[in-house]
Amino acid sequence: MNWFTGVCTYLVVWWTVLFAILPLGSRTFAEMGMAPPPGCDPGAPVDPKLGKKFIATTGISAIVFLAIWAIVRFHLITLPELPTH
């Protein structure tokens, strides 16, 4: 895996992990029993804690990327070993 493929792979993993983490721990205005501000959807999160979620996403993505890198680098799974159906 060259550096460009590695960066692209990391970015795909990062965005996938971000979308998996975003809903965790979020409470909406409706769940909190609060009236949303004017122009805000009742299903919007009250405090999404995006900074913590970005940091968690970066760490988890690094671990997942290292696993993918090791699989590719050390040929732990090769194309002929993948199922065809």
C-alpha atoms as a PDB file:
ATOM      1  CA  MET A   1       0.000   0.000   0.000  1.00  0.00           C
ATOM      2  CA  ASN A   2       1.580   3.287  -1.065  1.00  0.00           C
ATOM      3  CA  TRP A   3       1.053   6.578   0.827  1.00  0.00           C
ATOM      4  CA  PHE A   4      -1.777   7.814  -1.425  1.00  0.00           C
ATOM      5  CA  THR A   5      -3.760   4.595  -1.048  1.00  0.00           C
ATOM      6  CA  GLY A   6      -3.104   4.700   2.692  1.00  0.00           C
ATOM      7  CA  VAL A   7      -4.419   8.261   3.019  1.00  0.00           C
ATOM      8  CA  CYS A   8      -7.505   7.453   0.950  1.00  0.00           C
ATOM      9  CA  THR A   9      -8.164   4.312   2.986  1.00  0.00           C
ATOM     10  CA  TYR A  10      -7.785   6.215   6.266  1.00  0.00           C
ATOM     11  CA  LEU A  11     -10.208   8.920   5.118  1.00  0.00           C
ATOM     12  CA  VAL A  12     -12.829   6.364   4.097  1.00  0.00           C
ATOM     13  CA  VAL A  13     -12.433   4.577   7.443  1.00  0.00           C
ATOM     14  CA  TRP A  14     -12.562   7.922   9.328  1.00  0.00           C
ATOM     15  CA  TRP A  15     -15.832   9.020   7.717  1.00  0.00           C
ATOM     16  CA  THR A  16     -17.395   5.585   8.217  1.00  0.00           C
ATOM     17  CA  VAL A  17     -16.455   5.573  11.901  1.00  0.00           C
ATOM     18  CA  LEU A  18     -17.687   9.164  12.306  1.00  0.00           C
ATOM     19  CA  PHE A  19     -21.135   8.280  10.987  1.00  0.00           C
ATOM     20  CA  ALA A  20     -21.216   5.281  13.336  1.00  0.00           C
ATOM     21  CA  ILE A  21     -20.249   7.406  16.372  1.00  0.00           C
ATOM     22  CA  LEU A  22     -22.371  10.515  15.717  1.00  0.00           C
ATOM     23  CA  PRO A  23     -25.640   9.207  17.203  1.00  0.00           C
ATOM     24  CA  LEU A  24     -24.003   7.774  20.341  1.00  0.00           C
ATOM     25  CA  GLY A  25     -24.889   9.718  23.476  1.00  0.00           C
ATOM     26  CA  SER A  26     -26.926  12.353  21.655  1.00  0.00           C
ATOM     27  CA  ARG A  27     -30.143  13.536  23.258  1.00  0.00           C
ATOM     28  CA  THR A  28     -32.734  15.440  21.240  1.00  0.00           C
ATOM     29  CA  PHE A  29     -34.882  18.350  22.387  1.00  0.00           C
ATOM     30  CA  ALA A  30     -37.888  16.013  22.354  1.00  0.00           C
ATOM     31  CA  GLU A  31     -36.099  13.426  24.548  1.00  0.00           C
ATOM     32  CA  MET A  32     -35.005  16.134  26.973  1.00  0.00           C
ATOM     33  CA  GLY A  33     -38.534  17.557  27.172  1.00  0.00           C
ATOM     34  CA  MET A  34     -37.313  20.954  26.009  1.00  0.00           C
ATOM     35  CA  ALA A  35     -38.858  23.256  23.448  1.00  0.00           C
ATOM     36  CA  PRO A  36     -36.457  23.738  20.534  1.00  0.00           C
ATOM     37  CA  PRO A  37     -35.381  27.274  19.665  1.00  0.00           C
ATOM     38  CA  PRO A  38     -37.218  28.909  16.752  1.00  0.00           C
ATOM     39  CA  GLY A  39     -36.231  27.346  13.434  1.00  0.00           C
ATOM     40  CA  CYS A  40     -34.690  24.270  15.060  1.00  0.00           C
ATOM     41  CA  ASP A  41     -35.959  20.746  14.523  1.00  0.00           C
ATOM     42  CA  PRO A  42     -37.170  18.900  17.658  1.00  0.00           C
ATOM     43  CA  GLY A  43     -35.064  15.917  16.589  1.00  0.00           C
ATOM     44  CA  ALA A  44     -31.824  17.922  16.579  1.00  0.00           C
ATOM     45  CA  PRO A  45     -29.316  17.062  19.320  1.00  0.00           C
ATOM     46  CA  VAL A  46     -29.143  19.434  22.269  1.00  0.00           C
ATOM     47  CA  ASP A  47     -25.380  19.083  22.793  1.00  0.00           C
ATOM     48  CA  PRO A  48     -23.761  16.876  20.116  1.00  0.00           C
ATOM     49  CA  LYS A  49     -20.237  16.992  21.714  1.00  0.00           C
ATOM     50  CA  LEU A  50     -18.615  17.066  18.290  1.00  0.00           C
ATOM     51  CA  GLY A  51     -15.099  17.711  19.587  1.00  0.00           C
ATOM     52  CA  LYS A  52     -15.077  14.545  21.686  1.00  0.00           C
ATOM     53  CA  LYS A  53     -16.620  12.582  18.831  1.00  0.00           C
ATOM     54  CA  PHE A  54     -13.961  13.798  16.366  1.00  0.00           C
ATOM     55  CA  ILE A  55     -11.188  12.782  18.773  1.00  0.00           C
ATOM     56  CA  ALA A  56     -12.781   9.362  19.369  1.00  0.00           C
ATOM     57  CA  THR A  57     -13.281   8.924  15.619  1.00  0.00           C
ATOM     58  CA  THR A  58      -9.623   9.700  14.939  1.00  0.00           C
ATOM     59  CA  GLY A  59      -8.410   7.172  17.522  1.00  0.00           C
ATOM     60  CA  ILE A  60     -10.751   4.385  16.474  1.00  0.00           C
ATOM     61  CA  SER A  61      -9.991   5.037  12.799  1.00  0.00           C
ATOM     62  CA  ALA A  62      -6.261   4.774  13.492  1.00  0.00           C
ATOM     63  CA  ILE A  63      -6.744   1.359  15.097  1.00  0.00           C
ATOM     64  CA  VAL A  64      -8.951   0.105  12.252  1.00  0.00           C
ATOM     65  CA  PHE A  65      -6.529   1.503   9.654  1.00  0.00           C
ATOM     66  CA  LEU A  66      -3.564  -0.200  11.329  1.00  0.00           C
ATOM     67  CA  ALA A  67      -5.437  -3.502  11.178  1.00  0.00           C
ATOM     68  CA  ILE A  68      -6.150  -2.992   7.464  1.00  0.00           C
ATOM     69  CA  TRP A  69      -2.528  -1.959   6.850  1.00  0.00           C
ATOM     70  CA  ALA A  70      -1.229  -5.080   8.628  1.00  0.00           C
ATOM     71  CA  ILE A  71      -3.555  -7.322   6.620  1.00  0.00           C
ATOM     72  CA  VAL A  72      -2.331  -5.793   3.355  1.00  0.00           C
ATOM     73  CA  ARG A  73       1.336  -5.496   4.347  1.00  0.00           C
ATOM     74  CA  PHE A  74       1.781  -9.025   5.669  1.00  0.00           C
ATOM     75  CA  HIS A  75      -0.570 -10.666   3.139  1.00  0.00           C
ATOM     76  CA  LEU A  76      -2.796 -12.095   5.864  1.00  0.00           C
ATOM     77  CA  ILE A  77      -5.711 -12.206   3.427  1.00  0.00           C
ATOM     78  CA  THR A  78      -5.120 -12.481  -0.314  1.00  0.00           C
ATOM     79  CA  LEU A  79      -7.616 -12.179  -3.146  1.00  0.00           C
ATOM     80  CA  PRO A  80      -7.738 -15.921  -3.959  1.00  0.00           C
ATOM     81  CA  GLU A  81      -8.711 -16.631  -0.340  1.00  0.00           C
ATOM     82  CA  LEU A  82     -11.811 -14.404  -0.507  1.00  0.00           C
ATOM     83  CA  PRO A  83     -15.097 -16.201  -1.185  1.00  0.00           C
ATOM     84  CA  THR A  84     -16.444 -15.836  -4.733  1.00  0.00           C
ATOM     85  CA  HIS A  85     -20.178 -16.173  -3.995  1.00  0.00           C
END
